[in-house]
Amino acid sequence: MLTLRTGVAVFRDVPEGSYTIIARHPDLTPTEARYDAVLTEKTLLGIRFTYNEPDRQLSTIETEVSYLP
């Protein structure tokens, strides 16, 4: 049976710059996933990571960047 779990975090008004986004959980395999992003002014940053619960397997890390007016 496949059971996926998803964690979501949203950050607003993150200062402009280059970032490495890390999703980490000590009980998953791999224990972390990294994603590099360059943000400009007035951005909304969403991060979602998904893992397979029974296998404790990290599947994906995804980001979404929206630019605020």
PDB file of N, CA and C in Angstrom:
ATOM      1  N   MET A   1       0.836  -1.173   0.000  1.00  0.00           N
ATOM      2  CA  MET A   1       0.000   0.000   0.000  1.00  0.00           C
ATOM      3  C   MET A   1       0.889   1.247   0.000  1.00  0.00           C
ATOM      4  N   LEU A   2       0.535   2.217  -0.814  1.00  0.00           N
ATOM      5  CA  LEU A   2       1.278   3.459  -0.916  1.00  0.00           C
ATOM      6  C   LEU A   2       0.551   4.549  -0.141  1.00  0.00           C
ATOM      7  N   THR A   3       1.243   5.137   0.827  1.00  0.00           N
ATOM      8  CA  THR A   3       0.686   6.238   1.597  1.00  0.00           C
ATOM      9  C   THR A   3       1.669   7.388   1.535  1.00  0.00           C
ATOM     10  N   LEU A   4       1.265   8.476   0.869  1.00  0.00           N
ATOM     11  CA  LEU A   4       2.134   9.636   0.757  1.00  0.00           C
ATOM     12  C   LEU A   4       1.770  10.673   1.799  1.00  0.00           C
ATOM     13  N   ARG A   5       2.771  11.275   2.365  1.00  0.00           N
ATOM     14  CA  ARG A   5       2.606  12.380   3.304  1.00  0.00           C
ATOM     15  C   ARG A   5       3.264  13.608   2.691  1.00  0.00           C
ATOM     16  N   THR A   6       2.691  14.763   2.964  1.00  0.00           N
ATOM     17  CA  THR A   6       3.224  16.001   2.426  1.00  0.00           C
ATOM     18  C   THR A   6       3.359  17.033   3.524  1.00  0.00           C
ATOM     19  N   GLY A   7       4.483  17.723   3.533  1.00  0.00           N
ATOM     20  CA  GLY A   7       4.696  18.846   4.441  1.00  0.00           C
ATOM     21  C   GLY A   7       4.806  20.113   3.617  1.00  0.00           C
ATOM     22  N   VAL A   8       4.200  21.191   4.096  1.00  0.00           N
ATOM     23  CA  VAL A   8       4.190  22.456   3.362  1.00  0.00           C
ATOM     24  C   VAL A   8       4.608  23.590   4.292  1.00  0.00           C
ATOM     25  N   ALA A   9       5.440  24.478   3.764  1.00  0.00           N
ATOM     26  CA  ALA A   9       5.825  25.690   4.488  1.00  0.00           C
ATOM     27  C   ALA A   9       5.748  26.859   3.511  1.00  0.00           C
ATOM     28  N   VAL A  10       5.241  27.998   3.974  1.00  0.00           N
ATOM     29  CA  VAL A  10       5.138  29.193   3.140  1.00  0.00           C
ATOM     30  C   VAL A  10       5.839  30.345   3.864  1.00  0.00           C
ATOM     31  N   PHE A  11       6.679  31.072   3.125  1.00  0.00           N
ATOM     32  CA  PHE A  11       7.432  32.187   3.676  1.00  0.00           C
ATOM     33  C   PHE A  11       7.118  33.431   2.857  1.00  0.00           C
ATOM     34  N   ARG A  12       6.837  34.520   3.533  1.00  0.00           N
ATOM     35  CA  ARG A  12       6.496  35.781   2.874  1.00  0.00           C
ATOM     36  C   ARG A  12       7.560  36.823   3.205  1.00  0.00           C
ATOM     37  N   ASP A  13       7.807  37.709   2.252  1.00  0.00           N
ATOM     38  CA  ASP A  13       8.775  38.804   2.435  1.00  0.00           C
ATOM     39  C   ASP A  13      10.177  38.310   2.790  1.00  0.00           C
ATOM     40  N   VAL A  14      10.601  37.272   2.108  1.00  0.00           N
ATOM     41  CA  VAL A  14      11.961  36.774   2.294  1.00  0.00           C
ATOM     42  C   VAL A  14      12.912  37.772   1.641  1.00  0.00           C
ATOM     43  N   PRO A  15      13.975  38.174   2.321  1.00  0.00           N
ATOM     44  CA  PRO A  15      14.906  39.131   1.722  1.00  0.00           C
ATOM     45  C   PRO A  15      15.497  38.604   0.404  1.00  0.00           C
ATOM     46  N   GLU A  16      15.742  39.525  -0.500  1.00  0.00           N
ATOM     47  CA  GLU A  16      16.319  39.195  -1.798  1.00  0.00           C
ATOM     48  C   GLU A  16      17.657  38.489  -1.612  1.00  0.00           C
ATOM     49  N   GLY A  17      17.923  37.477  -2.440  1.00  0.00           N
ATOM     50  CA  GLY A  17      19.210  36.794  -2.365  1.00  0.00           C
ATOM     51  C   GLY A  17      19.141  35.365  -2.858  1.00  0.00           C
ATOM     52  N   SER A  18      20.265  34.675  -2.737  1.00  0.00           N
ATOM     53  CA  SER A  18      20.376  33.266  -3.116  1.00  0.00           C
ATOM     54  C   SER A  18      20.206  32.405  -1.871  1.00  0.00           C
ATOM     55  N   TYR A  19      19.435  31.345  -2.006  1.00  0.00           N
ATOM     56  CA  TYR A  19      19.143  30.474  -0.868  1.00  0.00           C
ATOM     57  C   TYR A  19      19.283  29.010  -1.262  1.00  0.00           C
ATOM     58  N   THR A  20      19.617  28.196  -0.299  1.00  0.00           N
ATOM     59  CA  THR A  20      19.527  26.751  -0.436  1.00  0.00           C
ATOM     60  C   THR A  20      18.424  26.305   0.504  1.00  0.00           C
ATOM     61  N   ILE A  21      17.382  25.716  -0.059  1.00  0.00           N
ATOM     62  CA  ILE A  21      16.232  25.254   0.719  1.00  0.00           C
ATOM     63  C   ILE A  21      16.465  23.781   1.042  1.00  0.00           C
ATOM     64  N   ILE A  22      16.335  23.438   2.303  1.00  0.00           N
ATOM     65  CA  ILE A  22      16.608  22.068   2.737  1.00  0.00           C
ATOM     66  C   ILE A  22      15.392  21.514   3.462  1.00  0.00           C
ATOM     67  N   ALA A  23      14.901  20.367   3.007  1.00  0.00           N
ATOM     68  CA  ALA A  23      13.889  19.606   3.736  1.00  0.00           C
ATOM     69  C   ALA A  23      14.630  18.441   4.377  1.00  0.00           C
ATOM     70  N   ARG A  24      14.510  18.326   5.688  1.00  0.00           N
ATOM     71  CA  ARG A  24      15.302  17.318   6.399  1.00  0.00           C
ATOM     72  C   ARG A  24      14.424  16.588   7.410  1.00  0.00           C
ATOM     73  N   HIS A  25      14.595  15.274   7.460  1.00  0.00           N
ATOM     74  CA  HIS A  25      13.923  14.459   8.472  1.00  0.00           C
ATOM     75  C   HIS A  25      14.824  13.271   8.766  1.00  0.00           C
ATOM     76  N   PRO A  26      15.228  13.064  10.010  1.00  0.00           N
ATOM     77  CA  PRO A  26      16.211  12.025  10.324  1.00  0.00           C
ATOM     78  C   PRO A  26      15.736  10.599  10.066  1.00  0.00           C
ATOM     79  N   ASP A  27      14.435  10.378   9.993  1.00  0.00           N
ATOM     80  CA  ASP A  27      13.936   9.018   9.808  1.00  0.00           C
ATOM     81  C   ASP A  27      13.663   8.661   8.349  1.00  0.00           C
ATOM     82  N   LEU A  28      13.895   9.613   7.418  1.00  0.00           N
ATOM     83  CA  LEU A  28      13.626   9.346   6.008  1.00  0.00           C
ATOM     84  C   LEU A  28      14.898   8.976   5.260  1.00  0.00           C
ATOM     85  N   THR A  29      14.717   8.394   4.076  1.00  0.00           N
ATOM     86  CA  THR A  29      15.827   8.064   3.200  1.00  0.00           C
ATOM     87  C   THR A  29      15.562   8.694   1.855  1.00  0.00           C
ATOM     88  N   PRO A  30      16.391   9.573   1.340  1.00  0.00           N
ATOM     89  CA  PRO A  30      17.530  10.166   2.043  1.00  0.00           C
ATOM     90  C   PRO A  30      17.053  11.054   3.189  1.00  0.00           C
ATOM     91  N   THR A  31      17.961  11.429   4.073  1.00  0.00           N
ATOM     92  CA  THR A  31      17.573  12.211   5.240  1.00  0.00           C
ATOM     93  C   THR A  31      17.284  13.660   4.913  1.00  0.00           C
ATOM     94  N   GLU A  32      17.731  14.132   3.728  1.00  0.00           N
ATOM     95  CA  GLU A  32      17.436  15.506   3.332  1.00  0.00           C
ATOM     96  C   GLU A  32      17.436  15.657   1.823  1.00  0.00           C
ATOM     97  N   ALA A  33      16.769  16.721   1.386  1.00  0.00           N
ATOM     98  CA  ALA A  33      16.780  17.106  -0.021  1.00  0.00           C
ATOM     99  C   ALA A  33      17.073  18.596  -0.067  1.00  0.00           C
ATOM    100  N   ARG A  34      17.796  19.041  -1.088  1.00  0.00           N
ATOM    101  CA  ARG A  34      18.192  20.449  -1.220  1.00  0.00           C
ATOM    102  C   ARG A  34      17.709  21.001  -2.547  1.00  0.00           C
ATOM    103  N   TYR A  35      17.405  22.296  -2.534  1.00  0.00           N
ATOM    104  CA  TYR A  35      16.975  22.993  -3.738  1.00  0.00           C
ATOM    105  C   TYR A  35      17.524  24.406  -3.670  1.00  0.00           C
ATOM    106  N   ASP A  36      18.210  24.843  -4.717  1.00  0.00           N
ATOM    107  CA  ASP A  36      18.761  26.193  -4.764  1.00  0.00           C
ATOM    108  C   ASP A  36      17.764  27.127  -5.429  1.00  0.00           C
ATOM    109  N   ALA A  37      17.618  28.344  -4.877  1.00  0.00           N
ATOM    110  CA  ALA A  37      16.687  29.331  -5.423  1.00  0.00           C
ATOM    111  C   ALA A  37      17.293  30.721  -5.297  1.00  0.00           C
ATOM    112  N   VAL A  38      16.985  31.564  -6.280  1.00  0.00           N
ATOM    113  CA  VAL A  38      17.361  32.972  -6.240  1.00  0.00           C
ATOM    114  C   VAL A  38      16.067  33.761  -6.146  1.00  0.00           C
ATOM    115  N   LEU A  39      15.929  34.559  -5.087  1.00  0.00           N
ATOM    116  CA  LEU A  39      14.711  35.321  -4.858  1.00  0.00           C
ATOM    117  C   LEU A  39      14.950  36.804  -5.085  1.00  0.00           C
ATOM    118  N   THR A  40      13.940  37.462  -5.614  1.00  0.00           N
ATOM    119  CA  THR A  40      13.991  38.907  -5.786  1.00  0.00           C
ATOM    120  C   THR A  40      13.087  39.543  -4.740  1.00  0.00           C
ATOM    121  N   GLU A  41      12.950  40.849  -4.797  1.00  0.00           N
ATOM    122  CA  GLU A  41      12.108  41.552  -3.829  1.00  0.00           C
ATOM    123  C   GLU A  41      10.662  41.073  -3.894  1.00  0.00           C
ATOM    124  N   LYS A  42       9.987  41.165  -2.773  1.00  0.00           N
ATOM    125  CA  LYS A  42       8.550  40.897  -2.666  1.00  0.00           C
ATOM    126  C   LYS A  42       8.146  39.535  -3.229  1.00  0.00           C
ATOM    127  N   THR A  43       8.731  38.511  -2.688  1.00  0.00           N
ATOM    128  CA  THR A  43       8.383  37.168  -3.134  1.00  0.00           C
ATOM    129  C   THR A  43       7.679  36.395  -2.034  1.00  0.00           C
ATOM    130  N   LEU A  44       6.885  35.463  -2.459  1.00  0.00           N
ATOM    131  CA  LEU A  44       6.221  34.504  -1.581  1.00  0.00           C
ATOM    132  C   LEU A  44       6.792  33.151  -1.959  1.00  0.00           C
ATOM    133  N   LEU A  45       7.402  32.468  -1.009  1.00  0.00           N
ATOM    134  CA  LEU A  45       8.089  31.211  -1.268  1.00  0.00           C
ATOM    135  C   LEU A  45       7.322  30.071  -0.615  1.00  0.00           C
ATOM    136  N   GLY A  46       6.942  29.082  -1.409  1.00  0.00           N
ATOM    137  CA  GLY A  46       6.277  27.887  -0.892  1.00  0.00           C
ATOM    138  C   GLY A  46       7.172  26.682  -1.092  1.00  0.00           C
ATOM    139  N   ILE A  47       7.249  25.851  -0.080  1.00  0.00           N
ATOM    140  CA  ILE A  47       8.071  24.644  -0.139  1.00  0.00           C
ATOM    141  C   ILE A  47       7.196  23.455   0.243  1.00  0.00           C
ATOM    142  N   ARG A  48       7.240  22.412  -0.574  1.00  0.00           N
ATOM    143  CA  ARG A  48       6.467  21.208  -0.289  1.00  0.00           C
ATOM    144  C   ARG A  48       7.379  19.993  -0.461  1.00  0.00           C
ATOM    145  N   PHE A  49       7.400  19.149   0.553  1.00  0.00           N
ATOM    146  CA  PHE A  49       8.124  17.896   0.383  1.00  0.00           C
ATOM    147  C   PHE A  49       7.155  16.742   0.615  1.00  0.00           C
ATOM    148  N   THR A  50       7.375  15.689  -0.136  1.00  0.00           N
ATOM    149  CA  THR A  50       6.477  14.537  -0.107  1.00  0.00           C
ATOM    150  C   THR A  50       7.292  13.279   0.182  1.00  0.00           C
ATOM    151  N   TYR A  51       6.753  12.437   1.041  1.00  0.00           N
ATOM    152  CA  TYR A  51       7.443  11.176   1.300  1.00  0.00           C
ATOM    153  C   TYR A  51       6.457  10.030   1.404  1.00  0.00           C
ATOM    154  N   ASN A  52       6.975   8.836   1.119  1.00  0.00           N
ATOM    155  CA  ASN A  52       6.219   7.593   1.200  1.00  0.00           C
ATOM    156  C   ASN A  52       6.289   7.122   2.650  1.00  0.00           C
ATOM    157  N   GLU A  53       5.155   7.156   3.338  1.00  0.00           N
ATOM    158  CA  GLU A  53       5.117   6.863   4.779  1.00  0.00           C
ATOM    159  C   GLU A  53       5.575   5.448   5.134  1.00  0.00           C
ATOM    160  N   PRO A  54       5.022   4.388   4.523  1.00  0.00           N
ATOM    161  CA  PRO A  54       5.439   3.042   4.950  1.00  0.00           C
ATOM    162  C   PRO A  54       6.927   2.765   4.734  1.00  0.00           C
ATOM    163  N   ASP A  55       7.479   3.276   3.628  1.00  0.00           N
ATOM    164  CA  ASP A  55       8.886   3.023   3.320  1.00  0.00           C
ATOM    165  C   ASP A  55       9.823   4.077   3.891  1.00  0.00           C
ATOM    166  N   ARG A  56       9.245   5.155   4.462  1.00  0.00           N
ATOM    167  CA  ARG A  56      10.035   6.266   5.007  1.00  0.00           C
ATOM    168  C   ARG A  56      10.997   6.796   3.948  1.00  0.00           C
ATOM    169  N   GLN A  57      10.512   6.886   2.717  1.00  0.00           N
ATOM    170  CA  GLN A  57      11.305   7.304   1.566  1.00  0.00           C
ATOM    171  C   GLN A  57      10.925   8.713   1.137  1.00  0.00           C
ATOM    172  N   LEU A  58      11.884   9.656   1.145  1.00  0.00           N
ATOM    173  CA  LEU A  58      11.640  11.007   0.672  1.00  0.00           C
ATOM    174  C   LEU A  58      11.507  10.964  -0.841  1.00  0.00           C
ATOM    175  N   SER A  59      10.382  11.459  -1.358  1.00  0.00           N
ATOM    176  CA  SER A  59      10.117  11.378  -2.798  1.00  0.00           C
ATOM    177  C   SER A  59      10.500  12.648  -3.539  1.00  0.00           C
ATOM    178  N   THR A  60       9.975  13.788  -3.106  1.00  0.00           N
ATOM    179  CA  THR A  60      10.232  15.030  -3.829  1.00  0.00           C
ATOM    180  C   THR A  60      10.323  16.216  -2.883  1.00  0.00           C
ATOM    181  N   ILE A  61      10.988  17.247  -3.341  1.00  0.00           N
ATOM    182  CA  ILE A  61      10.927  18.557  -2.723  1.00  0.00           C
ATOM    183  C   ILE A  61      10.642  19.525  -3.869  1.00  0.00           C
ATOM    184  N   GLU A  62       9.606  20.331  -3.689  1.00  0.00           N
ATOM    185  CA  GLU A  62       9.188  21.264  -4.732  1.00  0.00           C
ATOM    186  C   GLU A  62       9.083  22.661  -4.135  1.00  0.00           C
ATOM    187  N   THR A  63       9.338  23.664  -4.969  1.00  0.00           N
ATOM    188  CA  THR A  63       9.188  25.034  -4.519  1.00  0.00           C
ATOM    189  C   THR A  63       8.295  25.784  -5.498  1.00  0.00           C
ATOM    190  N   GLU A  64       7.660  26.802  -4.981  1.00  0.00           N
ATOM    191  CA  GLU A  64       6.873  27.698  -5.816  1.00  0.00           C
ATOM    192  C   GLU A  64       7.176  29.114  -5.367  1.00  0.00           C
ATOM    193  N   VAL A  65       7.561  29.955  -6.316  1.00  0.00           N
ATOM    194  CA  VAL A  65       7.873  31.342  -6.017  1.00  0.00           C
ATOM    195  C   VAL A  65       6.854  32.212  -6.715  1.00  0.00           C
ATOM    196  N   SER A  66       6.171  33.060  -5.956  1.00  0.00           N
ATOM    197  CA  SER A  66       5.221  34.012  -6.502  1.00  0.00           C
ATOM    198  C   SER A  66       5.719  35.416  -6.193  1.00  0.00           C
ATOM    199  N   TYR A  67       5.542  36.302  -7.155  1.00  0.00           N
ATOM    200  CA  TYR A  67       6.015  37.667  -6.976  1.00  0.00           C
ATOM    201  C   TYR A  67       4.853  38.552  -6.612  1.00  0.00           C
ATOM    202  N   LEU A  68       4.972  39.251  -5.502  1.00  0.00           N
ATOM    203  CA  LEU A  68       3.907  40.113  -5.012  1.00  0.00           C
ATOM    204  C   LEU A  68       3.991  41.497  -5.673  1.00  0.00           C
ATOM    205  N   PRO A  69       2.836  42.141  -5.867  1.00  0.00           N
ATOM    206  CA  PRO A  69       2.870  43.469  -6.498  1.00  0.00           C
ATOM    207  C   PRO A  69       3.470  44.534  -5.582  1.00  0.00           C
TER     208      PRO A  69
END
